[in-house]
Amino acid sequence: MPVVANTAAQRFLTMKRTIVRLLPMIVLVGALPCMAQHPLILDVSTAVAGSERLETQYAVAMGKWSDAGDNVGLNSTEIHCYKRFGFCEVATASASFGLASVSLTSFDILRWDTGEMIAVDSSPTCVVNTLRFDFAAKNVSISSTSKGETRDEFCKDLTPSMTATAFLTGAKGETGQKKK
């Protein structure tokens, strides 16, 4: 019997070593799609704005949302954020049925520190949109979350793909579907 116990202990140690060796690779492979998604332009600097020449920290990003589709250009989204004034503006161009259009959305900044900036737009009836700049990873994402509204007829048609995350990308190979 001791031989069997010893063999089981050896198998356990071998499995444990294998898991310890594979774990970093699994984490790395899972992180690769997010690491590759960087905006065409991402800059954070100090700017002067308005007629009173007020100094503010300013962030700008340009690129294409990862879920935008093939008929949208690489420079179809532009984001401007002003820390002192507490807001961001997101302009996004799109094409539908052969017609071009642009939307301009304002976000209220909730937090801005050295690591990240988080802003929200809660004006839509059914969803809250969250804009996030990760300064360390140099990426920008937008996500939508359901408000749980059930009385509005439009909100009943809300699908999971409408409440997912997209990344601002800059290279042709980086575009793809939203991450759930």
N, C-alpha and C. Protein backbone atom coordinates (compact mmCIF):
# COMPACT_ATOMS: atom_id res chain seq x y z
N MET A 1 0.79 -1.21 0.00
CA MET A 1 0.00 0.00 0.00
C MET A 1 0.84 1.27 0.00
N PRO A 2 1.93 1.37 0.74
CA PRO A 2 2.70 2.60 0.73
C PRO A 2 3.17 2.99 -0.66
N VAL A 3 3.43 2.02 -1.54
CA VAL A 3 3.89 2.32 -2.89
C VAL A 3 2.80 3.08 -3.64
N VAL A 4 1.54 2.67 -3.49
CA VAL A 4 0.41 3.34 -4.16
C VAL A 4 0.28 4.76 -3.64
N ALA A 5 0.37 4.95 -2.34
CA ALA A 5 0.27 6.29 -1.77
C ALA A 5 1.39 7.18 -2.28
N ASN A 6 2.59 6.63 -2.35
CA ASN A 6 3.74 7.38 -2.84
C ASN A 6 3.52 7.76 -4.31
N THR A 7 2.99 6.87 -5.13
CA THR A 7 2.73 7.15 -6.54
C THR A 7 1.67 8.24 -6.67
N ALA A 8 0.63 8.17 -5.88
CA ALA A 8 -0.42 9.20 -5.92
C ALA A 8 0.15 10.56 -5.51
N ALA A 9 1.02 10.56 -4.53
CA ALA A 9 1.65 11.81 -4.09
C ALA A 9 2.54 12.37 -5.19
N GLN A 10 3.25 11.49 -5.88
CA GLN A 10 4.11 11.93 -6.99
C GLN A 10 3.27 12.52 -8.12
N ARG A 11 2.15 11.85 -8.45
CA ARG A 11 1.27 12.38 -9.51
C ARG A 11 0.72 13.74 -9.12
N PHE A 12 0.36 13.88 -7.86
CA PHE A 12 -0.16 15.17 -7.38
C PHE A 12 0.89 16.26 -7.53
N LEU A 13 2.13 15.99 -7.13
CA LEU A 13 3.21 16.96 -7.26
C LEU A 13 3.48 17.30 -8.72
N THR A 14 3.44 16.30 -9.59
CA THR A 14 3.65 16.55 -11.02
C THR A 14 2.53 17.44 -11.58
N MET A 15 1.28 17.14 -11.21
CA MET A 15 0.15 17.99 -11.66
C MET A 15 0.31 19.41 -11.15
N LYS A 16 0.70 19.53 -9.89
CA LYS A 16 0.86 20.86 -9.28
C LYS A 16 1.94 21.66 -10.02
N ARG A 17 3.07 21.02 -10.33
CA ARG A 17 4.14 21.70 -11.07
C ARG A 17 3.67 22.11 -12.47
N THR A 18 2.93 21.24 -13.13
CA THR A 18 2.42 21.54 -14.46
C THR A 18 1.48 22.73 -14.43
N ILE A 19 0.59 22.77 -13.46
CA ILE A 19 -0.35 23.89 -13.33
C ILE A 19 0.40 25.18 -13.05
N VAL A 20 1.39 25.13 -12.18
CA VAL A 20 2.16 26.32 -11.85
C VAL A 20 2.89 26.83 -13.10
N ARG A 21 3.39 25.92 -13.94
CA ARG A 21 4.09 26.32 -15.16
C ARG A 21 3.13 26.85 -16.22
N LEU A 22 1.94 26.27 -16.33
CA LEU A 22 0.99 26.67 -17.37
C LEU A 22 0.19 27.93 -17.01
N LEU A 23 0.01 28.19 -15.74
CA LEU A 23 -0.82 29.31 -15.31
C LEU A 23 -0.38 30.65 -15.91
N PRO A 24 0.91 31.00 -15.89
CA PRO A 24 1.30 32.27 -16.51
C PRO A 24 0.99 32.33 -18.01
N MET A 25 1.13 31.20 -18.70
CA MET A 25 0.83 31.18 -20.13
C MET A 25 -0.67 31.35 -20.37
N ILE A 26 -1.51 30.74 -19.56
CA ILE A 26 -2.95 30.87 -19.70
C ILE A 26 -3.36 32.32 -19.48
N VAL A 27 -2.83 32.94 -18.45
CA VAL A 27 -3.13 34.35 -18.17
C VAL A 27 -2.67 35.23 -19.32
N LEU A 28 -1.48 34.99 -19.85
CA LEU A 28 -0.95 35.78 -20.95
C LEU A 28 -1.80 35.64 -22.20
N VAL A 29 -2.19 34.42 -22.55
CA VAL A 29 -3.01 34.20 -23.74
C VAL A 29 -4.36 34.88 -23.57
N GLY A 30 -4.94 34.85 -22.41
CA GLY A 30 -6.22 35.52 -22.17
C GLY A 30 -6.10 37.03 -22.24
N ALA A 31 -4.94 37.57 -21.92
CA ALA A 31 -4.76 39.02 -21.91
C ALA A 31 -4.34 39.57 -23.26
N LEU A 32 -3.84 38.75 -24.17
CA LEU A 32 -3.35 39.23 -25.45
C LEU A 32 -4.37 40.03 -26.26
N PRO A 33 -5.65 39.61 -26.38
CA PRO A 33 -6.58 40.41 -27.17
C PRO A 33 -6.74 41.83 -26.62
N CYS A 34 -6.72 41.99 -25.31
CA CYS A 34 -6.87 43.33 -24.71
C CYS A 34 -5.59 44.14 -24.85
N MET A 35 -4.42 43.48 -24.76
CA MET A 35 -3.16 44.20 -24.84
C MET A 35 -2.95 44.80 -26.22
N ALA A 36 -3.48 44.15 -27.25
CA ALA A 36 -3.26 44.61 -28.61
C ALA A 36 -4.17 45.78 -28.97
N GLN A 37 -5.15 46.08 -28.17
CA GLN A 37 -6.14 47.08 -28.53
C GLN A 37 -5.77 48.44 -27.96
N HIS A 38 -5.01 49.18 -28.76
CA HIS A 38 -4.61 50.52 -28.39
C HIS A 38 -5.17 51.51 -29.39
N PRO A 39 -5.53 52.70 -28.93
CA PRO A 39 -6.04 53.73 -29.85
C PRO A 39 -4.97 54.18 -30.83
N LEU A 40 -5.42 54.77 -31.92
CA LEU A 40 -4.52 55.37 -32.89
C LEU A 40 -3.72 56.48 -32.22
N ILE A 41 -4.41 57.29 -31.41
CA ILE A 41 -3.79 58.38 -30.64
C ILE A 41 -4.34 58.34 -29.22
N LEU A 42 -3.48 58.44 -28.24
CA LEU A 42 -3.87 58.59 -26.84
C LEU A 42 -2.85 59.50 -26.19
N ASP A 43 -3.32 60.65 -25.71
CA ASP A 43 -2.41 61.62 -25.10
C ASP A 43 -3.07 62.25 -23.90
N VAL A 44 -2.32 62.42 -22.85
CA VAL A 44 -2.77 63.13 -21.66
C VAL A 44 -1.77 64.24 -21.40
N SER A 45 -2.26 65.46 -21.32
CA SER A 45 -1.36 66.59 -21.10
C SER A 45 -2.13 67.72 -20.44
N THR A 46 -1.44 68.82 -20.23
CA THR A 46 -2.07 70.01 -19.68
C THR A 46 -2.46 70.92 -20.83
N ALA A 47 -3.65 71.49 -20.75
CA ALA A 47 -4.14 72.39 -21.79
C ALA A 47 -4.75 73.63 -21.15
N VAL A 48 -4.90 74.66 -21.93
CA VAL A 48 -5.56 75.88 -21.49
C VAL A 48 -6.84 76.01 -22.31
N ALA A 49 -7.97 76.25 -21.63
CA ALA A 49 -9.26 76.27 -22.32
C ALA A 49 -10.10 77.47 -21.92
N GLY A 50 -10.95 77.88 -22.83
CA GLY A 50 -11.93 78.93 -22.56
C GLY A 50 -11.35 80.33 -22.63
N SER A 51 -12.26 81.29 -22.62
CA SER A 51 -11.84 82.69 -22.72
C SER A 51 -11.08 83.15 -21.48
N GLU A 52 -11.28 82.46 -20.36
CA GLU A 52 -10.58 82.81 -19.13
C GLU A 52 -9.22 82.11 -19.03
N ARG A 53 -8.89 81.33 -20.07
CA ARG A 53 -7.60 80.64 -20.15
C ARG A 53 -7.33 79.78 -18.91
N LEU A 54 -8.27 78.91 -18.59
CA LEU A 54 -8.16 78.03 -17.42
C LEU A 54 -7.33 76.80 -17.76
N GLU A 55 -6.38 76.49 -16.92
CA GLU A 55 -5.51 75.33 -17.12
C GLU A 55 -6.22 74.08 -16.62
N THR A 56 -6.14 73.01 -17.40
CA THR A 56 -6.77 71.75 -17.01
C THR A 56 -5.98 70.58 -17.57
N GLN A 57 -6.09 69.45 -16.89
CA GLN A 57 -5.53 68.23 -17.45
C GLN A 57 -6.49 67.80 -18.56
N TYR A 58 -5.93 67.34 -19.68
CA TYR A 58 -6.70 67.08 -20.88
C TYR A 58 -6.29 65.72 -21.44
N ALA A 59 -7.27 64.92 -21.84
CA ALA A 59 -6.98 63.63 -22.47
C ALA A 59 -7.67 63.59 -23.82
N VAL A 60 -6.97 63.11 -24.82
CA VAL A 60 -7.54 62.96 -26.15
C VAL A 60 -7.22 61.56 -26.65
N ALA A 61 -8.19 60.95 -27.31
CA ALA A 61 -7.98 59.63 -27.92
C ALA A 61 -8.70 59.59 -29.26
N MET A 62 -8.08 58.93 -30.22
CA MET A 62 -8.69 58.76 -31.54
C MET A 62 -8.48 57.33 -31.99
N GLY A 63 -9.45 56.81 -32.72
CA GLY A 63 -9.35 55.46 -33.26
C GLY A 63 -10.69 54.98 -33.75
N LYS A 64 -10.88 53.68 -33.67
CA LYS A 64 -12.10 53.02 -34.14
C LYS A 64 -12.54 52.04 -33.07
N TRP A 65 -13.83 52.05 -32.72
CA TRP A 65 -14.33 51.09 -31.74
C TRP A 65 -14.21 49.69 -32.32
N SER A 66 -13.84 48.74 -31.50
CA SER A 66 -13.58 47.37 -31.95
C SER A 66 -14.82 46.70 -32.53
N ASP A 67 -16.00 47.21 -32.25
CA ASP A 67 -17.23 46.62 -32.78
C ASP A 67 -17.84 47.44 -33.91
N ALA A 68 -17.09 48.39 -34.47
CA ALA A 68 -17.66 49.34 -35.44
C ALA A 68 -17.95 48.74 -36.81
N GLY A 69 -17.31 47.67 -37.18
CA GLY A 69 -17.56 47.08 -38.50
C GLY A 69 -16.55 47.54 -39.53
N ASP A 70 -16.58 46.89 -40.68
CA ASP A 70 -15.59 47.14 -41.72
C ASP A 70 -15.82 48.44 -42.50
N ASN A 71 -17.05 48.94 -42.52
CA ASN A 71 -17.34 50.13 -43.32
C ASN A 71 -17.06 51.44 -42.59
N VAL A 72 -16.37 51.37 -41.46
CA VAL A 72 -16.05 52.57 -40.67
C VAL A 72 -14.53 52.75 -40.67
N GLY A 73 -14.08 53.97 -40.85
CA GLY A 73 -12.65 54.26 -40.92
C GLY A 73 -11.93 54.10 -39.60
N LEU A 74 -10.59 53.99 -39.68
CA LEU A 74 -9.75 53.80 -38.50
C LEU A 74 -9.78 55.02 -37.58
N ASN A 75 -10.14 56.17 -38.10
CA ASN A 75 -10.17 57.41 -37.31
C ASN A 75 -11.61 57.88 -37.14
N SER A 76 -12.53 56.96 -36.84
CA SER A 76 -13.96 57.29 -36.79
C SER A 76 -14.45 57.78 -35.43
N THR A 77 -13.61 57.69 -34.42
CA THR A 77 -14.01 58.15 -33.08
C THR A 77 -12.96 59.09 -32.52
N GLU A 78 -13.42 60.17 -31.92
CA GLU A 78 -12.53 61.14 -31.28
C GLU A 78 -13.11 61.47 -29.91
N ILE A 79 -12.24 61.40 -28.89
CA ILE A 79 -12.67 61.63 -27.50
C ILE A 79 -11.81 62.73 -26.91
N HIS A 80 -12.49 63.71 -26.27
CA HIS A 80 -11.81 64.81 -25.56
C HIS A 80 -12.35 64.85 -24.13
N CYS A 81 -11.45 64.84 -23.15
CA CYS A 81 -11.84 64.90 -21.74
C CYS A 81 -11.10 66.03 -21.04
N TYR A 82 -11.82 66.75 -20.19
CA TYR A 82 -11.28 67.89 -19.47
C TYR A 82 -11.50 67.66 -17.97
N LYS A 83 -10.43 67.41 -17.25
CA LYS A 83 -10.53 67.08 -15.84
C LYS A 83 -11.14 68.23 -15.03
N ARG A 84 -10.68 69.44 -15.23
CA ARG A 84 -11.14 70.58 -14.44
C ARG A 84 -12.64 70.84 -14.62
N PHE A 85 -13.12 70.60 -15.83
CA PHE A 85 -14.53 70.86 -16.14
C PHE A 85 -15.42 69.65 -15.91
N GLY A 86 -14.81 68.48 -15.69
CA GLY A 86 -15.55 67.29 -15.30
C GLY A 86 -16.36 66.61 -16.39
N PHE A 87 -15.93 66.74 -17.66
CA PHE A 87 -16.70 66.07 -18.70
C PHE A 87 -15.81 65.60 -19.85
N CYS A 88 -16.37 64.66 -20.62
CA CYS A 88 -15.75 64.15 -21.85
C CYS A 88 -16.78 64.27 -22.96
N GLU A 89 -16.30 64.44 -24.17
CA GLU A 89 -17.15 64.41 -25.35
C GLU A 89 -16.62 63.31 -26.26
N VAL A 90 -17.54 62.49 -26.75
CA VAL A 90 -17.18 61.39 -27.65
C VAL A 90 -17.93 61.60 -28.96
N ALA A 91 -17.18 61.83 -30.03
CA ALA A 91 -17.76 61.95 -31.37
C ALA A 91 -17.45 60.68 -32.13
N THR A 92 -18.49 60.04 -32.67
CA THR A 92 -18.31 58.78 -33.39
C THR A 92 -19.04 58.85 -34.73
N ALA A 93 -18.32 58.55 -35.80
CA ALA A 93 -18.90 58.50 -37.14
C ALA A 93 -19.31 57.07 -37.44
N SER A 94 -20.39 56.93 -38.19
CA SER A 94 -20.84 55.60 -38.60
C SER A 94 -21.51 55.69 -39.96
N ALA A 95 -21.74 54.55 -40.55
CA ALA A 95 -22.44 54.47 -41.83
C ALA A 95 -23.55 53.45 -41.72
N SER A 96 -24.73 53.82 -42.20
CA SER A 96 -25.86 52.93 -42.17
C SER A 96 -26.65 53.10 -43.45
N PHE A 97 -26.89 52.01 -44.15
CA PHE A 97 -27.61 52.05 -45.42
C PHE A 97 -26.97 53.02 -46.42
N GLY A 98 -25.63 53.09 -46.40
CA GLY A 98 -24.91 53.93 -47.33
C GLY A 98 -24.86 55.40 -46.96
N LEU A 99 -25.41 55.76 -45.81
CA LEU A 99 -25.41 57.15 -45.36
C LEU A 99 -24.50 57.32 -44.15
N ALA A 100 -23.70 58.37 -44.17
CA ALA A 100 -22.79 58.66 -43.06
C ALA A 100 -23.52 59.50 -42.01
N SER A 101 -23.18 59.26 -40.75
CA SER A 101 -23.73 60.08 -39.67
C SER A 101 -22.69 60.18 -38.56
N VAL A 102 -22.91 61.13 -37.66
CA VAL A 102 -22.02 61.31 -36.53
C VAL A 102 -22.86 61.52 -35.28
N SER A 103 -22.40 60.96 -34.16
CA SER A 103 -23.08 61.20 -32.88
C SER A 103 -22.08 61.85 -31.94
N LEU A 104 -22.59 62.72 -31.11
CA LEU A 104 -21.77 63.40 -30.10
C LEU A 104 -22.41 63.13 -28.75
N THR A 105 -21.66 62.50 -27.86
CA THR A 105 -22.17 62.13 -26.55
C THR A 105 -21.30 62.73 -25.47
N SER A 106 -21.93 63.26 -24.44
CA SER A 106 -21.21 63.84 -23.29
C SER A 106 -21.22 62.84 -22.14
N PHE A 107 -20.09 62.77 -21.45
CA PHE A 107 -19.93 61.89 -20.29
C PHE A 107 -19.49 62.74 -19.10
N ASP A 108 -20.01 62.43 -17.92
CA ASP A 108 -19.59 63.09 -16.68
C ASP A 108 -18.45 62.30 -16.06
N ILE A 109 -17.34 62.97 -15.75
CA ILE A 109 -16.19 62.30 -15.16
C ILE A 109 -16.46 62.00 -13.70
N LEU A 110 -16.34 60.72 -13.33
CA LEU A 110 -16.51 60.31 -11.94
C LEU A 110 -15.18 60.28 -11.20
N ARG A 111 -14.14 59.84 -11.91
CA ARG A 111 -12.82 59.73 -11.27
C ARG A 111 -11.73 59.92 -12.33
N TRP A 112 -10.68 60.62 -11.90
CA TRP A 112 -9.51 60.79 -12.77
C TRP A 112 -8.31 60.84 -11.86
N ASP A 113 -7.48 59.80 -11.92
CA ASP A 113 -6.24 59.78 -11.15
C ASP A 113 -5.11 59.38 -12.10
N THR A 114 -3.95 59.08 -11.56
CA THR A 114 -2.80 58.78 -12.42
C THR A 114 -2.98 57.46 -13.18
N GLY A 115 -3.82 56.58 -12.69
CA GLY A 115 -3.99 55.28 -13.33
C GLY A 115 -5.11 55.20 -14.34
N GLU A 116 -6.20 55.92 -14.07
CA GLU A 116 -7.35 55.80 -14.96
C GLU A 116 -8.29 56.99 -14.86
N MET A 117 -9.15 57.09 -15.86
CA MET A 117 -10.23 58.07 -15.86
C MET A 117 -11.50 57.29 -16.16
N ILE A 118 -12.54 57.52 -15.37
CA ILE A 118 -13.82 56.87 -15.57
C ILE A 118 -14.89 57.94 -15.67
N ALA A 119 -15.71 57.84 -16.73
CA ALA A 119 -16.80 58.79 -16.95
C ALA A 119 -18.05 58.01 -17.35
N VAL A 120 -19.22 58.57 -17.04
CA VAL A 120 -20.47 57.88 -17.36
C VAL A 120 -21.45 58.80 -18.09
N ASP A 121 -22.28 58.17 -18.88
CA ASP A 121 -23.42 58.82 -19.52
C ASP A 121 -24.64 58.00 -19.14
N SER A 122 -25.47 58.54 -18.28
CA SER A 122 -26.65 57.80 -17.84
C SER A 122 -27.93 58.37 -18.45
N SER A 123 -27.81 59.18 -19.49
CA SER A 123 -28.98 59.79 -20.09
C SER A 123 -29.87 58.83 -20.87
N PRO A 124 -29.34 57.74 -21.50
CA PRO A 124 -30.24 56.83 -22.19
C PRO A 124 -31.22 56.19 -21.20
N THR A 125 -32.41 55.84 -21.68
CA THR A 125 -33.46 55.29 -20.82
C THR A 125 -33.08 53.94 -20.23
N CYS A 126 -32.45 53.08 -21.03
CA CYS A 126 -32.26 51.69 -20.63
C CYS A 126 -30.86 51.35 -20.12
N VAL A 127 -29.86 52.12 -20.49
CA VAL A 127 -28.48 51.75 -20.18
C VAL A 127 -27.68 52.88 -19.56
N VAL A 128 -26.60 52.50 -18.91
CA VAL A 128 -25.59 53.43 -18.44
C VAL A 128 -24.33 53.11 -19.25
N ASN A 129 -23.78 54.11 -19.92
CA ASN A 129 -22.56 53.93 -20.70
C ASN A 129 -21.38 54.41 -19.88
N THR A 130 -20.33 53.60 -19.82
CA THR A 130 -19.13 53.93 -19.04
C THR A 130 -17.93 54.00 -19.97
N LEU A 131 -17.23 55.14 -19.91
CA LEU A 131 -16.02 55.37 -20.69
C LEU A 131 -14.84 55.23 -19.74
N ARG A 132 -13.82 54.45 -20.13
CA ARG A 132 -12.67 54.24 -19.25
C ARG A 132 -11.37 54.39 -20.02
N PHE A 133 -10.51 55.27 -19.53
CA PHE A 133 -9.14 55.40 -20.02
C PHE A 133 -8.26 54.69 -19.02
N ASP A 134 -7.51 53.69 -19.44
CA ASP A 134 -6.52 53.03 -18.60
C ASP A 134 -5.17 53.59 -19.04
N PHE A 135 -4.64 54.55 -18.27
CA PHE A 135 -3.43 55.26 -18.66
C PHE A 135 -2.21 54.34 -18.67
N ALA A 136 -2.14 53.40 -17.73
CA ALA A 136 -0.98 52.50 -17.66
C ALA A 136 -0.97 51.53 -18.86
N ALA A 137 -2.11 50.94 -19.17
CA ALA A 137 -2.19 49.98 -20.28
C ALA A 137 -2.34 50.68 -21.63
N LYS A 138 -2.58 51.98 -21.59
CA LYS A 138 -2.76 52.79 -22.80
C LYS A 138 -3.90 52.27 -23.66
N ASN A 139 -5.06 52.01 -23.00
CA ASN A 139 -6.23 51.64 -23.78
C ASN A 139 -7.47 52.39 -23.30
N VAL A 140 -8.45 52.44 -24.17
CA VAL A 140 -9.71 53.13 -23.91
C VAL A 140 -10.83 52.15 -24.21
N SER A 141 -11.80 52.07 -23.31
CA SER A 141 -12.93 51.17 -23.53
C SER A 141 -14.24 51.88 -23.23
N ILE A 142 -15.29 51.36 -23.81
CA ILE A 142 -16.63 51.85 -23.52
C ILE A 142 -17.50 50.63 -23.28
N SER A 143 -18.31 50.69 -22.25
CA SER A 143 -19.19 49.57 -21.95
C SER A 143 -20.57 50.09 -21.61
N SER A 144 -21.56 49.27 -21.83
CA SER A 144 -22.95 49.62 -21.54
C SER A 144 -23.51 48.57 -20.59
N THR A 145 -24.26 49.04 -19.62
CA THR A 145 -24.88 48.16 -18.64
C THR A 145 -26.35 48.52 -18.53
N SER A 146 -27.18 47.51 -18.46
CA SER A 146 -28.62 47.74 -18.35
C SER A 146 -28.95 48.41 -17.02
N LYS A 147 -29.90 49.35 -17.06
CA LYS A 147 -30.38 49.98 -15.83
C LYS A 147 -31.43 49.12 -15.13
N GLY A 148 -31.85 48.05 -15.80
CA GLY A 148 -32.90 47.19 -15.24
C GLY A 148 -34.29 47.74 -15.49
N GLU A 149 -34.40 48.71 -16.38
CA GLU A 149 -35.69 49.32 -16.72
C GLU A 149 -36.54 48.32 -17.48
N THR A 150 -37.77 48.10 -17.02
CA THR A 150 -38.66 47.14 -17.70
C THR A 150 -39.96 47.78 -18.16
N ARG A 151 -40.26 48.98 -17.71
CA ARG A 151 -41.52 49.62 -18.10
C ARG A 151 -41.48 50.16 -19.52
N ASP A 152 -40.30 50.58 -19.97
CA ASP A 152 -40.18 51.14 -21.32
C ASP A 152 -40.14 50.01 -22.34
N GLU A 153 -40.96 50.11 -23.39
CA GLU A 153 -41.05 49.09 -24.42
C GLU A 153 -39.70 48.83 -25.11
N PHE A 154 -38.93 49.89 -25.36
CA PHE A 154 -37.63 49.75 -26.02
C PHE A 154 -36.66 48.93 -25.16
N CYS A 155 -36.73 49.09 -23.87
CA CYS A 155 -35.79 48.40 -22.98
C CYS A 155 -36.00 46.89 -22.97
N LYS A 156 -37.19 46.44 -23.28
CA LYS A 156 -37.46 45.00 -23.31
C LYS A 156 -36.71 44.31 -24.44
N ASP A 157 -36.33 45.06 -25.48
CA ASP A 157 -35.62 44.49 -26.63
C ASP A 157 -34.11 44.57 -26.47
N LEU A 158 -33.63 44.96 -25.31
CA LEU A 158 -32.20 45.09 -25.06
C LEU A 158 -31.55 43.71 -25.10
N THR A 159 -30.52 43.56 -25.93
CA THR A 159 -29.83 42.28 -26.06
C THR A 159 -28.47 42.34 -25.38
N PRO A 160 -27.87 41.19 -25.05
CA PRO A 160 -26.54 41.20 -24.42
C PRO A 160 -25.48 41.90 -25.27
N SER A 161 -25.59 41.83 -26.60
CA SER A 161 -24.58 42.49 -27.44
C SER A 161 -24.67 44.01 -27.32
N MET A 162 -25.82 44.52 -26.86
CA MET A 162 -25.96 45.96 -26.65
C MET A 162 -25.36 46.38 -25.31
N THR A 163 -25.08 45.44 -24.45
CA THR A 163 -24.51 45.74 -23.14
C THR A 163 -23.18 45.04 -22.98
N ALA A 164 -22.26 45.32 -23.87
CA ALA A 164 -20.94 44.70 -23.85
C ALA A 164 -19.88 45.79 -23.85
N THR A 165 -18.62 45.39 -23.97
CA THR A 165 -17.50 46.33 -23.95
C THR A 165 -16.83 46.36 -25.32
N ALA A 166 -16.48 47.58 -25.77
CA ALA A 166 -15.70 47.75 -27.01
C ALA A 166 -14.44 48.52 -26.65
N PHE A 167 -13.37 48.29 -27.41
CA PHE A 167 -12.10 48.97 -27.19
C PHE A 167 -11.82 49.90 -28.35
N LEU A 168 -11.18 51.02 -28.05
CA LEU A 168 -10.76 51.95 -29.10
C LEU A 168 -9.46 51.41 -29.68
N THR A 169 -9.46 51.14 -30.98
CA THR A 169 -8.31 50.52 -31.63
C THR A 169 -7.70 51.48 -32.64
N GLY A 170 -6.53 51.10 -33.14
CA GLY A 170 -5.87 51.96 -34.10
C GLY A 170 -5.27 51.26 -35.29
N ALA A 171 -5.06 49.96 -35.20
CA ALA A 171 -4.48 49.23 -36.31
C ALA A 171 -5.55 48.35 -36.94
N LYS A 172 -5.44 48.11 -38.23
CA LYS A 172 -6.46 47.34 -38.95
C LYS A 172 -6.73 45.99 -38.33
N GLY A 173 -5.72 45.27 -37.92
CA GLY A 173 -5.90 43.93 -37.38
C GLY A 173 -6.51 43.89 -35.99
N GLU A 174 -6.71 45.04 -35.37
CA GLU A 174 -7.21 45.05 -34.00
C GLU A 174 -8.72 45.06 -33.92
N THR A 175 -9.42 45.32 -34.98
CA THR A 175 -10.86 45.44 -34.89
C THR A 175 -11.51 44.06 -34.85
N GLY A 176 -12.57 43.96 -34.09
CA GLY A 176 -13.27 42.70 -33.94
C GLY A 176 -14.54 42.91 -33.16
N GLN A 177 -15.15 41.86 -32.67
CA GLN A 177 -16.41 41.95 -31.94
C GLN A 177 -16.19 42.46 -30.52
N LYS A 178 -17.30 42.90 -29.91
CA LYS A 178 -17.27 43.32 -28.51
C LYS A 178 -16.92 42.14 -27.63
N LYS A 179 -16.26 42.42 -26.52
CA LYS A 179 -15.92 41.39 -25.54
C LYS A 179 -17.03 41.34 -24.51
N LYS A 180 -17.49 40.12 -24.19
CA LYS A 180 -18.59 40.00 -23.23
C LYS A 180 -18.05 39.88 -21.84
